[in-house]
Every structure is written in structure tokens, then in C-alpha cells.
Amino acid sequence: MLILTVKLLNIRMTKDTLKQLSKDALEELGRTKGIELDKRYSKSKLVKEIAAVFAAEEAEVVYNEADTNKDGVVDAQEAAAAAERRRRRNLGYC
């Protein structure tokens, strides 16, 4: 199961992708991200929790990527350019 999870870390995790995983796989994936999921909850609640972690990570990556001059401040132009780069990368252009 660990091998499956490691392979999944390279895939962009959306809620639809997460819904295809079992509760055990979700729990293991959560552990790789530093959170402990309780399998007693419904699968939809587990998916919601882990999806929030992935969304937060993605937002953090965009912020760091957007700060092109590394001054700690991201203006609107830098943020828009970073969002466009991420969109093109997700579509496979880069």
C-alpha cells in the first residue's frame, strides 16, 4: 500500500481523485502529509479533510512561486503571472 501512496503523491490530488481511494489509502496518504485521519468517520469527511491539506499546500506553493523578487511581498502582477504559469503547467504546456 505504501508504494501506491508514494506514486499518488506525484499526481495532482483533487476531490474526485481522493474519492477513488479507500479509507486505508486515505489514512496512509494523510500520514505522509503529517495528519492523522480517523477511519471511523465517513469517507466523504476524510476526503474533505485531506483535500483541505492539499489545497493549503497548493496555495503555499503558488505564494512562494509568485514572490519572484524574493522580497516577501507578492503584488497582484506577480500573483497573476504565477497563477498563469501554474495553469499552463497543469495543462501540460511547460
PDB file of N, CA and C in Angstrom:
ATOM      1  N   MET A   1       0.820  -1.190   0.000  1.00  0.00           N
ATOM      2  CA  MET A   1       0.000   0.000   0.000  1.00  0.00           C
ATOM      3  C   MET A   1       0.863   1.252   0.000  1.00  0.00           C
ATOM      4  N   LEU A   2       1.999   1.210   0.668  1.00  0.00           N
ATOM      5  CA  LEU A   2       2.871   2.382   0.713  1.00  0.00           C
ATOM      6  C   LEU A   2       3.362   2.751  -0.675  1.00  0.00           C
ATOM      7  N   ILE A   3       3.656   1.763  -1.495  1.00  0.00           N
ATOM      8  CA  ILE A   3       4.119   2.032  -2.854  1.00  0.00           C
ATOM      9  C   ILE A   3       3.039   2.772  -3.632  1.00  0.00           C
ATOM     10  N   LEU A   4       1.798   2.369  -3.471  1.00  0.00           N
ATOM     11  CA  LEU A   4       0.681   3.031  -4.137  1.00  0.00           C
ATOM     12  C   LEU A   4       0.596   4.494  -3.717  1.00  0.00           C
ATOM     13  N   THR A   5       0.750   4.750  -2.439  1.00  0.00           N
ATOM     14  CA  THR A   5       0.662   6.114  -1.927  1.00  0.00           C
ATOM     15  C   THR A   5       1.796   6.973  -2.459  1.00  0.00           C
ATOM     16  N   VAL A   6       2.990   6.441  -2.498  1.00  0.00           N
ATOM     17  CA  VAL A   6       4.125   7.215  -2.986  1.00  0.00           C
ATOM     18  C   VAL A   6       3.901   7.594  -4.439  1.00  0.00           C
ATOM     19  N   LYS A   7       3.361   6.697  -5.227  1.00  0.00           N
ATOM     20  CA  LYS A   7       3.062   7.008  -6.619  1.00  0.00           C
ATOM     21  C   LYS A   7       1.983   8.082  -6.708  1.00  0.00           C
ATOM     22  N   LEU A   8       1.024   8.071  -5.799  1.00  0.00           N
ATOM     23  CA  LEU A   8      -0.060   9.037  -5.826  1.00  0.00           C
ATOM     24  C   LEU A   8       0.398  10.439  -5.450  1.00  0.00           C
ATOM     25  N   LEU A   9       1.498  10.557  -4.755  1.00  0.00           N
ATOM     26  CA  LEU A   9       1.967  11.878  -4.351  1.00  0.00           C
ATOM     27  C   LEU A   9       2.393  12.718  -5.544  1.00  0.00           C
ATOM     28  N   ASN A  10       2.719  12.076  -6.663  1.00  0.00           N
ATOM     29  CA  ASN A  10       3.133  12.808  -7.853  1.00  0.00           C
ATOM     30  C   ASN A  10       1.942  13.265  -8.683  1.00  0.00           C
ATOM     31  N   ILE A  11       0.737  12.848  -8.329  1.00  0.00           N
ATOM     32  CA  ILE A  11      -0.470  13.201  -9.061  1.00  0.00           C
ATOM     33  C   ILE A  11      -1.120  14.388  -8.371  1.00  0.00           C
ATOM     34  N   ARG A  12      -1.709  15.281  -9.156  1.00  0.00           N
ATOM     35  CA  ARG A  12      -2.446  16.397  -8.563  1.00  0.00           C
ATOM     36  C   ARG A  12      -3.710  15.828  -7.927  1.00  0.00           C
ATOM     37  N   MET A  13      -3.841  15.965  -6.629  1.00  0.00           N
ATOM     38  CA  MET A  13      -4.939  15.350  -5.895  1.00  0.00           C
ATOM     39  C   MET A  13      -6.144  16.283  -5.854  1.00  0.00           C
ATOM     40  N   THR A  14      -7.203  15.874  -6.532  1.00  0.00           N
ATOM     41  CA  THR A  14      -8.465  16.592  -6.478  1.00  0.00           C
ATOM     42  C   THR A  14      -9.424  15.762  -5.641  1.00  0.00           C
ATOM     43  N   LYS A  15     -10.575  16.321  -5.329  1.00  0.00           N
ATOM     44  CA  LYS A  15     -11.553  15.560  -4.553  1.00  0.00           C
ATOM     45  C   LYS A  15     -11.992  14.311  -5.302  1.00  0.00           C
ATOM     46  N   ASP A  16     -12.110  14.407  -6.626  1.00  0.00           N
ATOM     47  CA  ASP A  16     -12.513  13.239  -7.409  1.00  0.00           C
ATOM     48  C   ASP A  16     -11.460  12.138  -7.332  1.00  0.00           C
ATOM     49  N   THR A  17     -10.196  12.514  -7.377  1.00  0.00           N
ATOM     50  CA  THR A  17      -9.115  11.543  -7.262  1.00  0.00           C
ATOM     51  C   THR A  17      -9.123  10.909  -5.877  1.00  0.00           C
ATOM     52  N   LEU A  18      -9.328  11.720  -4.862  1.00  0.00           N
ATOM     53  CA  LEU A  18      -9.325  11.210  -3.490  1.00  0.00           C
ATOM     54  C   LEU A  18     -10.510  10.284  -3.224  1.00  0.00           C
ATOM     55  N   LYS A  19     -11.649  10.563  -3.847  1.00  0.00           N
ATOM     56  CA  LYS A  19     -12.835   9.727  -3.643  1.00  0.00           C
ATOM     57  C   LYS A  19     -12.629   8.309  -4.150  1.00  0.00           C
ATOM     58  N   GLN A  20     -11.696   8.122  -5.067  1.00  0.00           N
ATOM     59  CA  GLN A  20     -11.438   6.802  -5.621  1.00  0.00           C
ATOM     60  C   GLN A  20     -10.607   5.930  -4.686  1.00  0.00           C
ATOM     61  N   LEU A  21      -9.986   6.535  -3.673  1.00  0.00           N
ATOM     62  CA  LEU A  21      -9.142   5.804  -2.748  1.00  0.00           C
ATOM     63  C   LEU A  21      -9.971   5.189  -1.629  1.00  0.00           C
ATOM     64  N   SER A  22      -9.449   4.127  -1.044  1.00  0.00           N
ATOM     65  CA  SER A  22     -10.110   3.507   0.100  1.00  0.00           C
ATOM     66  C   SER A  22      -9.806   4.306   1.365  1.00  0.00           C
ATOM     67  N   LYS A  23     -10.500   3.999   2.445  1.00  0.00           N
ATOM     68  CA  LYS A  23     -10.243   4.688   3.714  1.00  0.00           C
ATOM     69  C   LYS A  23      -8.818   4.422   4.188  1.00  0.00           C
ATOM     70  N   ASP A  24      -8.341   3.186   3.991  1.00  0.00           N
ATOM     71  CA  ASP A  24      -6.970   2.853   4.387  1.00  0.00           C
ATOM     72  C   ASP A  24      -5.964   3.691   3.608  1.00  0.00           C
ATOM     73  N   ALA A  25      -6.176   3.826   2.301  1.00  0.00           N
ATOM     74  CA  ALA A  25      -5.267   4.613   1.469  1.00  0.00           C
ATOM     75  C   ALA A  25      -5.320   6.086   1.862  1.00  0.00           C
ATOM     76  N   LEU A  26      -6.503   6.589   2.171  1.00  0.00           N
ATOM     77  CA  LEU A  26      -6.629   7.980   2.612  1.00  0.00           C
ATOM     78  C   LEU A  26      -5.878   8.206   3.920  1.00  0.00           C
ATOM     79  N   GLU A  27      -6.005   7.259   4.832  1.00  0.00           N
ATOM     80  CA  GLU A  27      -5.320   7.371   6.117  1.00  0.00           C
ATOM     81  C   GLU A  27      -3.800   7.381   5.916  1.00  0.00           C
ATOM     82  N   GLU A  28      -3.311   6.512   5.057  1.00  0.00           N
ATOM     83  CA  GLU A  28      -1.882   6.444   4.789  1.00  0.00           C
ATOM     84  C   GLU A  28      -1.391   7.712   4.087  1.00  0.00           C
ATOM     85  N   LEU A  29      -2.168   8.212   3.166  1.00  0.00           N
ATOM     86  CA  LEU A  29      -1.826   9.444   2.476  1.00  0.00           C
ATOM     87  C   LEU A  29      -1.796  10.617   3.457  1.00  0.00           C
ATOM     88  N   GLY A  30      -2.738  10.634   4.376  1.00  0.00           N
ATOM     89  CA  GLY A  30      -2.762  11.674   5.404  1.00  0.00           C
ATOM     90  C   GLY A  30      -1.511  11.634   6.269  1.00  0.00           C
ATOM     91  N   ARG A  31      -1.050  10.435   6.582  1.00  0.00           N
ATOM     92  CA  ARG A  31       0.163  10.311   7.396  1.00  0.00           C
ATOM     93  C   ARG A  31       1.372  10.878   6.666  1.00  0.00           C
ATOM     94  N   THR A  32       1.435  10.713   5.349  1.00  0.00           N
ATOM     95  CA  THR A  32       2.563  11.262   4.598  1.00  0.00           C
ATOM     96  C   THR A  32       2.532  12.791   4.612  1.00  0.00           C
ATOM     97  N   LYS A  33       1.347  13.361   4.848  1.00  0.00           N
ATOM     98  CA  LYS A  33       1.204  14.813   4.914  1.00  0.00           C
ATOM     99  C   LYS A  33       1.232  15.328   6.346  1.00  0.00           C
ATOM    100  N   GLY A  34       1.420  14.430   7.305  1.00  0.00           N
ATOM    101  CA  GLY A  34       1.553  14.848   8.697  1.00  0.00           C
ATOM    102  C   GLY A  34       0.250  14.976   9.459  1.00  0.00           C
ATOM    103  N   ILE A  35      -0.843  14.414   8.932  1.00  0.00           N
ATOM    104  CA  ILE A  35      -2.106  14.442   9.670  1.00  0.00           C
ATOM    105  C   ILE A  35      -2.578  13.012   9.906  1.00  0.00           C
ATOM    106  N   GLU A  36      -3.284  12.825  10.983  1.00  0.00           N
ATOM    107  CA  GLU A  36      -3.821  11.510  11.323  1.00  0.00           C
ATOM    108  C   GLU A  36      -5.332  11.534  11.104  1.00  0.00           C
ATOM    109  N   LEU A  37      -5.795  10.730  10.166  1.00  0.00           N
ATOM    110  CA  LEU A  37      -7.227  10.644   9.886  1.00  0.00           C
ATOM    111  C   LEU A  37      -7.829   9.491  10.680  1.00  0.00           C
ATOM    112  N   ASP A  38      -9.027   9.687  11.148  1.00  0.00           N
ATOM    113  CA  ASP A  38      -9.742   8.665  11.914  1.00  0.00           C
ATOM    114  C   ASP A  38     -10.687   7.924  10.974  1.00  0.00           C
ATOM    115  N   LYS A  39     -10.413   6.646  10.729  1.00  0.00           N
ATOM    116  CA  LYS A  39     -11.205   5.869   9.775  1.00  0.00           C
ATOM    117  C   LYS A  39     -12.629   5.613  10.255  1.00  0.00           C
ATOM    118  N   ARG A  40     -12.941   5.989  11.479  1.00  0.00           N
ATOM    119  CA  ARG A  40     -14.313   5.814  11.949  1.00  0.00           C
ATOM    120  C   ARG A  40     -15.257   6.824  11.313  1.00  0.00           C
ATOM    121  N   TYR A  41     -14.708   7.920  10.801  1.00  0.00           N
ATOM    122  CA  TYR A  41     -15.531   8.912  10.117  1.00  0.00           C
ATOM    123  C   TYR A  41     -15.894   8.418   8.720  1.00  0.00           C
ATOM    124  N   SER A  42     -16.871   9.070   8.129  1.00  0.00           N
ATOM    125  CA  SER A  42     -17.290   8.685   6.779  1.00  0.00           C
ATOM    126  C   SER A  42     -16.184   9.029   5.777  1.00  0.00           C
ATOM    127  N   LYS A  43     -16.226   8.338   4.667  1.00  0.00           N
ATOM    128  CA  LYS A  43     -15.212   8.551   3.634  1.00  0.00           C
ATOM    129  C   LYS A  43     -15.266   9.992   3.112  1.00  0.00           C
ATOM    130  N   SER A  44     -16.466  10.543   2.980  1.00  0.00           N
ATOM    131  CA  SER A  44     -16.587  11.913   2.474  1.00  0.00           C
ATOM    132  C   SER A  44     -15.936  12.918   3.427  1.00  0.00           C
ATOM    133  N   LYS A  45     -16.033  12.689   4.728  1.00  0.00           N
ATOM    134  CA  LYS A  45     -15.388  13.576   5.698  1.00  0.00           C
ATOM    135  C   LYS A  45     -13.867  13.439   5.607  1.00  0.00           C
ATOM    136  N   LEU A  46     -13.372  12.224   5.432  1.00  0.00           N
ATOM    137  CA  LEU A  46     -11.935  12.010   5.290  1.00  0.00           C
ATOM    138  C   LEU A  46     -11.410  12.701   4.033  1.00  0.00           C
ATOM    139  N   VAL A  47     -12.168  12.575   2.939  1.00  0.00           N
ATOM    140  CA  VAL A  47     -11.773  13.214   1.682  1.00  0.00           C
ATOM    141  C   VAL A  47     -11.733  14.725   1.862  1.00  0.00           C
ATOM    142  N   LYS A  48     -12.719  15.272   2.554  1.00  0.00           N
ATOM    143  CA  LYS A  48     -12.786  16.717   2.776  1.00  0.00           C
ATOM    144  C   LYS A  48     -11.567  17.196   3.580  1.00  0.00           C
ATOM    145  N   GLU A  49     -11.180  16.426   4.605  1.00  0.00           N
ATOM    146  CA  GLU A  49     -10.044  16.813   5.441  1.00  0.00           C
ATOM    147  C   GLU A  49      -8.735  16.794   4.660  1.00  0.00           C
ATOM    148  N   ILE A  50      -8.502  15.720   3.914  1.00  0.00           N
ATOM    149  CA  ILE A  50      -7.238  15.605   3.188  1.00  0.00           C
ATOM    150  C   ILE A  50      -7.199  16.567   2.004  1.00  0.00           C
ATOM    151  N   ALA A  51      -8.349  16.840   1.391  1.00  0.00           N
ATOM    152  CA  ALA A  51      -8.397  17.797   0.278  1.00  0.00           C
ATOM    153  C   ALA A  51      -8.028  19.189   0.770  1.00  0.00           C
ATOM    154  N   ALA A  52      -8.410  19.529   1.984  1.00  0.00           N
ATOM    155  CA  ALA A  52      -8.061  20.825   2.555  1.00  0.00           C
ATOM    156  C   ALA A  52      -6.548  20.954   2.727  1.00  0.00           C
ATOM    157  N   VAL A  53      -5.898  19.866   3.086  1.00  0.00           N
ATOM    158  CA  VAL A  53      -4.438  19.878   3.244  1.00  0.00           C
ATOM    159  C   VAL A  53      -3.771  20.115   1.892  1.00  0.00           C
ATOM    160  N   PHE A  54      -4.242  19.403   0.860  1.00  0.00           N
ATOM    161  CA  PHE A  54      -3.669  19.578  -0.467  1.00  0.00           C
ATOM    162  C   PHE A  54      -3.920  20.992  -0.997  1.00  0.00           C
ATOM    163  N   ALA A  55      -5.088  21.548  -0.740  1.00  0.00           N
ATOM    164  CA  ALA A  55      -5.399  22.908  -1.191  1.00  0.00           C
ATOM    165  C   ALA A  55      -4.488  23.919  -0.505  1.00  0.00           C
ATOM    166  N   ALA A  56      -4.243  23.728   0.785  1.00  0.00           N
ATOM    167  CA  ALA A  56      -3.365  24.634   1.517  1.00  0.00           C
ATOM    168  C   ALA A  56      -1.938  24.552   0.987  1.00  0.00           C
ATOM    169  N   GLU A  57      -1.476  23.329   0.687  1.00  0.00           N
ATOM    170  CA  GLU A  57      -0.134  23.163   0.124  1.00  0.00           C
ATOM    171  C   GLU A  57      -0.024  23.852  -1.227  1.00  0.00           C
ATOM    172  N   GLU A  58      -1.041  23.688  -2.047  1.00  0.00           N
ATOM    173  CA  GLU A  58      -1.025  24.289  -3.379  1.00  0.00           C
ATOM    174  C   GLU A  58      -0.993  25.809  -3.277  1.00  0.00           C
ATOM    175  N   ALA A  59      -1.751  26.375  -2.354  1.00  0.00           N
ATOM    176  CA  ALA A  59      -1.749  27.824  -2.163  1.00  0.00           C
ATOM    177  C   ALA A  59      -0.382  28.305  -1.693  1.00  0.00           C
ATOM    178  N   GLU A  60       0.265  27.533  -0.838  1.00  0.00           N
ATOM    179  CA  GLU A  60       1.586  27.897  -0.337  1.00  0.00           C
ATOM    180  C   GLU A  60       2.612  27.864  -1.465  1.00  0.00           C
ATOM    181  N   VAL A  61       2.542  26.862  -2.315  1.00  0.00           N
ATOM    182  CA  VAL A  61       3.470  26.760  -3.440  1.00  0.00           C
ATOM    183  C   VAL A  61       3.285  27.940  -4.380  1.00  0.00           C
ATOM    184  N   VAL A  62       2.045  28.315  -4.639  1.00  0.00           N
ATOM    185  CA  VAL A  62       1.787  29.453  -5.512  1.00  0.00           C
ATOM    186  C   VAL A  62       2.348  30.725  -4.894  1.00  0.00           C
ATOM    187  N   TYR A  63       2.193  30.883  -3.600  1.00  0.00           N
ATOM    188  CA  TYR A  63       2.714  32.083  -2.943  1.00  0.00           C
ATOM    189  C   TYR A  63       4.227  32.153  -3.086  1.00  0.00           C
ATOM    190  N   ASN A  64       4.922  31.069  -2.777  1.00  0.00           N
ATOM    191  CA  ASN A  64       6.375  31.065  -2.865  1.00  0.00           C
ATOM    192  C   ASN A  64       6.841  31.249  -4.300  1.00  0.00           C
ATOM    193  N   GLU A  65       6.133  30.649  -5.235  1.00  0.00           N
ATOM    194  CA  GLU A  65       6.472  30.760  -6.644  1.00  0.00           C
ATOM    195  C   GLU A  65       6.203  32.175  -7.153  1.00  0.00           C
ATOM    196  N   ALA A  66       5.181  32.812  -6.607  1.00  0.00           N
ATOM    197  CA  ALA A  66       4.790  34.139  -7.061  1.00  0.00           C
ATOM    198  C   ALA A  66       5.776  35.217  -6.623  1.00  0.00           C
ATOM    199  N   ASP A  67       6.464  35.005  -5.529  1.00  0.00           N
ATOM    200  CA  ASP A  67       7.380  36.010  -5.000  1.00  0.00           C
ATOM    201  C   ASP A  67       8.671  35.989  -5.809  1.00  0.00           C
ATOM    202  N   THR A  68       8.621  36.525  -7.019  1.00  0.00           N
ATOM    203  CA  THR A  68       9.741  36.430  -7.949  1.00  0.00           C
ATOM    204  C   THR A  68      10.963  37.231  -7.519  1.00  0.00           C
ATOM    205  N   ASN A  69      10.751  38.335  -6.845  1.00  0.00           N
ATOM    206  CA  ASN A  69      11.907  39.120  -6.404  1.00  0.00           C
ATOM    207  C   ASN A  69      12.313  38.793  -4.971  1.00  0.00           C
ATOM    208  N   LYS A  70      11.677  37.794  -4.360  1.00  0.00           N
ATOM    209  CA  LYS A  70      12.030  37.255  -3.040  1.00  0.00           C
ATOM    210  C   LYS A  70      12.089  38.310  -1.944  1.00  0.00           C
ATOM    211  N   ASP A  71      11.191  39.290  -2.032  1.00  0.00           N
ATOM    212  CA  ASP A  71      11.158  40.331  -1.015  1.00  0.00           C
ATOM    213  C   ASP A  71      10.129  40.048   0.076  1.00  0.00           C
ATOM    214  N   GLY A  72       9.419  38.931  -0.060  1.00  0.00           N
ATOM    215  CA  GLY A  72       8.403  38.590   0.923  1.00  0.00           C
ATOM    216  C   GLY A  72       7.060  39.223   0.648  1.00  0.00           C
ATOM    217  N   VAL A  73       6.967  40.027  -0.411  1.00  0.00           N
ATOM    218  CA  VAL A  73       5.720  40.694  -0.774  1.00  0.00           C
ATOM    219  C   VAL A  73       5.333  40.274  -2.182  1.00  0.00           C
ATOM    220  N   VAL A  74       4.090  39.823  -2.334  1.00  0.00           N
ATOM    221  CA  VAL A  74       3.595  39.426  -3.644  1.00  0.00           C
ATOM    222  C   VAL A  74       2.563  40.453  -4.083  1.00  0.00           C
ATOM    223  N   ASP A  75       2.864  41.157  -5.163  1.00  0.00           N
ATOM    224  CA  ASP A  75       1.874  42.100  -5.664  1.00  0.00           C
ATOM    225  C   ASP A  75       0.945  41.390  -6.645  1.00  0.00           C
ATOM    226  N   ALA A  76      -0.056  42.089  -7.097  1.00  0.00           N
ATOM    227  CA  ALA A  76      -1.083  41.489  -7.955  1.00  0.00           C
ATOM    228  C   ALA A  76      -0.499  40.978  -9.267  1.00  0.00           C
ATOM    229  N   GLN A  77       0.457  41.690  -9.815  1.00  0.00           N
ATOM    230  CA  GLN A  77       1.059  41.291 -11.085  1.00  0.00           C
ATOM    231  C   GLN A  77       1.849  39.990 -10.928  1.00  0.00           C
ATOM    232  N   GLU A  78       2.628  39.871  -9.848  1.00  0.00           N
ATOM    233  CA  GLU A  78       3.378  38.638  -9.589  1.00  0.00           C
ATOM    234  C   GLU A  78       2.428  37.465  -9.369  1.00  0.00           C
ATOM    235  N   ALA A  79       1.368  37.689  -8.607  1.00  0.00           N
ATOM    236  CA  ALA A  79       0.408  36.619  -8.331  1.00  0.00           C
ATOM    237  C   ALA A  79      -0.293  36.162  -9.601  1.00  0.00           C
ATOM    238  N   ALA A  80      -0.655  37.096 -10.468  1.00  0.00           N
ATOM    239  CA  ALA A  80      -1.317  36.742 -11.725  1.00  0.00           C
ATOM    240  C   ALA A  80      -0.380  35.958 -12.634  1.00  0.00           C
ATOM    241  N   ALA A  81       0.875  36.370 -12.695  1.00  0.00           N
ATOM    242  CA  ALA A  81       1.848  35.660 -13.530  1.00  0.00           C
ATOM    243  C   ALA A  81       2.079  34.245 -13.001  1.00  0.00           C
ATOM    244  N   ALA A  82       2.160  34.087 -11.689  1.00  0.00           N
ATOM    245  CA  ALA A  82       2.358  32.758 -11.103  1.00  0.00           C
ATOM    246  C   ALA A  82       1.144  31.867 -11.345  1.00  0.00           C
ATOM    247  N   ALA A  83      -0.044  32.429 -11.239  1.00  0.00           N
ATOM    248  CA  ALA A  83      -1.257  31.647 -11.491  1.00  0.00           C
ATOM    249  C   ALA A  83      -1.303  31.186 -12.947  1.00  0.00           C
ATOM    250  N   GLU A  84      -0.894  32.046 -13.857  1.00  0.00           N
ATOM    251  CA  GLU A  84      -0.866  31.669 -15.276  1.00  0.00           C
ATOM    252  C   GLU A  84       0.170  30.587 -15.540  1.00  0.00           C
ATOM    253  N   ARG A  85       1.344  30.676 -14.900  1.00  0.00           N
ATOM    254  CA  ARG A  85       2.366  29.627 -15.051  1.00  0.00           C
ATOM    255  C   ARG A  85       1.847  28.292 -14.531  1.00  0.00           C
ATOM    256  N   ARG A  86       1.173  28.325 -13.373  1.00  0.00           N
ATOM    257  CA  ARG A  86       0.634  27.087 -12.803  1.00  0.00           C
ATOM    258  C   ARG A  86      -0.456  26.504 -13.695  1.00  0.00           C
ATOM    259  N   ARG A  87      -1.307  27.364 -14.250  1.00  0.00           N
ATOM    260  CA  ARG A  87      -2.369  26.890 -15.136  1.00  0.00           C
ATOM    261  C   ARG A  87      -1.777  26.225 -16.378  1.00  0.00           C
ATOM    262  N   ARG A  88      -0.762  26.854 -16.956  1.00  0.00           N
ATOM    263  CA  ARG A  88      -0.132  26.285 -18.157  1.00  0.00           C
ATOM    264  C   ARG A  88       0.574  24.984 -17.836  1.00  0.00           C
ATOM    265  N   ARG A  89       1.207  24.910 -16.649  1.00  0.00           N
ATOM    266  CA  ARG A  89       1.882  23.673 -16.242  1.00  0.00           C
ATOM    267  C   ARG A  89       0.876  22.549 -16.039  1.00  0.00           C
ATOM    268  N   ASN A  90      -0.268  22.854 -15.442  1.00  0.00           N
ATOM    269  CA  ASN A  90      -1.312  21.837 -15.242  1.00  0.00           C
ATOM    270  C   ASN A  90      -1.892  21.339 -16.554  1.00  0.00           C
ATOM    271  N   LEU A  91      -1.923  22.215 -17.554  1.00  0.00           N
ATOM    272  CA  LEU A  91      -2.425  21.823 -18.870  1.00  0.00           C
ATOM    273  C   LEU A  91      -1.371  21.089 -19.690  1.00  0.00           C
ATOM    274  N   GLY A  92      -0.126  21.086 -19.209  1.00  0.00           N
ATOM    275  CA  GLY A  92       0.929  20.352 -19.897  1.00  0.00           C
ATOM    276  C   GLY A  92       1.712  21.152 -20.902  1.00  0.00           C
ATOM    277  N   TYR A  93       1.614  22.478 -20.865  1.00  0.00           N
ATOM    278  CA  TYR A  93       2.341  23.313 -21.820  1.00  0.00           C
ATOM    279  C   TYR A  93       3.821  23.443 -21.460  1.00  0.00           C
ATOM    280  N   CYS A  94       4.140  23.321 -20.193  1.00  0.00           N
ATOM    281  CA  CYS A  94       5.532  23.517 -19.763  1.00  0.00           C
ATOM    282  C   CYS A  94       6.168  22.212 -19.377  1.00  0.00           C
TER     283      CYS A  94
END
